[in-house]
Protein backbone atom coordinates (compact mmCIF):
# COMPACT_ATOMS: atom_id res chain seq x y z
CA MET A 1 -12.42 -0.10 42.95
CA SER A 2 -16.09 -0.22 43.42
CA THR A 3 -17.93 -3.33 42.31
CA LEU A 4 -19.86 -1.31 39.73
CA ILE A 5 -16.65 -0.30 37.95
CA VAL A 6 -15.39 -3.89 38.06
CA HIS A 7 -18.66 -5.12 36.54
CA ILE A 8 -18.49 -2.47 33.81
CA LEU A 9 -14.89 -3.41 32.98
CA LEU A 10 -15.79 -7.11 32.85
CA TYR A 11 -18.75 -6.31 30.61
CA LEU A 12 -16.59 -4.24 28.24
CA HIS A 13 -13.95 -6.95 28.20
CA GLY A 14 -16.61 -9.46 27.19
CA CYS A 15 -17.84 -7.14 24.43
CA LEU A 16 -14.31 -6.79 23.08
CA ASN A 17 -13.91 -10.56 23.07
CA ILE A 18 -17.08 -10.84 21.00
CA LEU A 19 -16.02 -8.07 18.61
CA LEU A 20 -12.43 -9.26 18.38
CA PRO A 21 -12.68 -13.03 18.69
CA PHE A 22 -9.06 -13.83 17.91
CA ARG A 23 -6.76 -11.22 19.41
CA MET A 24 -5.60 -7.69 19.07
CA VAL A 25 -2.93 -7.21 16.41
CA ASP A 26 -0.01 -5.10 17.53
CA GLU A 27 1.62 -2.42 15.41
CA ARG A 28 4.68 -4.54 14.68
CA GLU A 29 2.55 -7.23 13.07
CA ILE A 30 0.75 -4.63 10.97
CA GLU A 31 4.08 -3.16 9.82
CA GLN A 32 5.39 -6.64 9.01
CA GLY A 33 2.21 -7.28 7.00
CA TYR A 34 2.77 -4.14 4.94
CA ALA A 35 6.46 -4.97 4.46
CA ASN A 36 5.65 -8.51 3.33
CA PHE A 37 2.94 -7.19 1.00
CA HIS A 38 5.33 -4.74 -0.66
CA ARG A 39 8.17 -7.26 -0.97
CA THR A 40 5.83 -9.69 -2.70
CA LEU A 41 4.38 -6.85 -4.79
CA ASN A 42 7.86 -5.94 -6.02
CA ARG A 43 8.53 -9.56 -7.02
CA ILE A 44 5.21 -9.72 -8.91
CA LEU A 45 5.88 -6.39 -10.64
CA ARG A 46 9.31 -7.64 -11.71
CA ALA A 47 7.63 -10.70 -13.25
CA ARG A 48 5.02 -8.41 -14.89
CA ASP A 49 2.25 -10.94 -14.23
CA ILE A 50 -1.12 -9.14 -14.36
CA ARG A 51 -3.23 -12.02 -13.06
CA LEU A 52 -0.91 -12.64 -10.13
CA LEU A 53 -0.83 -8.90 -9.41
CA LYS A 54 -4.63 -8.71 -9.30
CA LYS A 55 -4.80 -11.81 -7.10
CA HIS A 56 -2.24 -10.36 -4.68
CA ILE A 57 -4.13 -7.07 -4.44
CA ALA A 58 -7.46 -8.86 -3.96
CA THR A 59 -6.12 -10.95 -1.10
CA HIS A 60 -4.58 -7.92 0.65
CA PRO A 61 -7.06 -5.04 0.20
CA ARG A 62 -5.94 -3.12 3.32
CA GLU A 63 -2.30 -3.12 2.30
CA ALA A 64 -3.04 -2.50 -1.38
CA GLY A 65 -4.60 0.91 -0.79
CA LYS A 66 -4.65 2.90 -4.05
CA LEU A 67 -3.69 -0.16 -6.09
CA SER A 68 -7.13 -1.67 -5.39
CA HIS A 69 -8.49 0.21 -8.42
CA LEU A 70 -6.64 -2.31 -10.63
CA LEU A 71 -9.20 -4.97 -9.72
CA GLY A 72 -11.91 -3.20 -11.70
CA LEU A 73 -9.80 -2.77 -14.83
CA SER A 74 -9.42 -5.06 -17.82
CA ASP A 75 -6.11 -6.90 -18.06
CA GLU A 76 -4.99 -4.51 -20.81
CA MET A 77 -5.67 -1.41 -18.72
CA ALA A 78 -4.22 -3.06 -15.60
CA GLU A 79 -1.02 -3.76 -17.56
CA ILE A 80 -0.69 -0.05 -18.32
CA GLU A 81 -1.19 0.80 -14.65
CA MET A 82 1.28 -1.92 -13.67
CA HIS A 83 4.01 -0.30 -15.78
CA LYS A 84 3.18 3.12 -14.33
CA THR A 85 3.42 1.62 -10.85
CA ILE A 86 6.82 0.12 -11.62
CA ILE A 87 8.11 3.58 -12.54
CA THR A 88 6.96 5.04 -9.22
CA ARG A 89 8.60 2.40 -7.03
CA SER A 90 12.21 3.18 -6.11
CA ALA A 91 12.89 -0.50 -5.31
CA LEU A 92 12.32 -1.25 -9.01
CA LYS A 93 14.58 1.49 -10.34
CA ASP A 94 16.59 -1.03 -12.38
CA ILE A 95 13.55 -1.79 -14.60
CA TRP A 96 12.14 1.74 -14.91
CA ASN A 97 13.54 2.18 -18.42
CA GLU A 98 11.92 -1.04 -19.64
CA SER A 99 8.52 0.12 -18.35
CA ARG A 100 9.01 3.61 -19.81
CA ARG A 101 9.85 2.04 -23.16
CA TRP A 102 6.80 -0.28 -22.96
CA LEU A 103 4.49 2.66 -22.20
CA LYS A 104 5.91 4.80 -25.02
CA GLU A 105 5.56 1.89 -27.48
CA HIS A 106 1.88 1.74 -26.55
CA GLY A 107 1.39 5.49 -26.99
CA ILE A 108 1.24 6.35 -23.28
CA GLU A 109 3.29 9.08 -21.67
CA PRO A 110 5.13 7.60 -18.67
CA PRO A 111 4.76 9.32 -15.31
CA VAL A 112 7.62 11.46 -14.10
CA HIS A 113 9.31 10.12 -10.99
CA LYS A 114 9.41 13.08 -8.63
CA ILE A 115 12.10 13.41 -6.03
CA LYS A 116 10.63 14.68 -2.82
CA LYS A 117 12.40 17.74 -1.53
CA ARG A 118 12.59 18.49 2.14
CA ARG A 119 11.10 21.80 3.02
CA ARG A 120 12.79 23.89 5.62
CA LYS A 121 10.76 24.42 8.72
CA ARG A 122 9.91 28.03 9.30
CA SER A 123 10.21 29.57 12.67
CA GLY A 124 7.19 31.06 14.35
CA TRP A 125 8.14 34.65 13.59
CA LYS A 126 8.33 36.46 10.28
CA ARG A 127 11.18 38.63 9.07
CA ARG A 128 10.38 42.11 7.86
């Protein structure tokens, strides 16, 4: 390799060390982070603890994704969303009925849990 390329690579390596001071996170660690987040989330949802739910979401914004909107809601509104979330999580199937009942008692129509159907792949040609 020419010395110019070596110098460029060393420069870029130095820039990466400045931008990423600790280390690169591999995909396995990211997946484990999401898995740990969701396991803990399921435990919190089972306990139906709004404050703990909001705290968990606030400390894990990347993993929380769509659930982050709960942080801006009052505890009463967040409780409604919590029960809707329980109904959409298959790992919490054993407490779906309790959440449905809670929502109906508060005048809210529970979401329908949709079963995803696999679509058949179509071939590249059309039949006539």
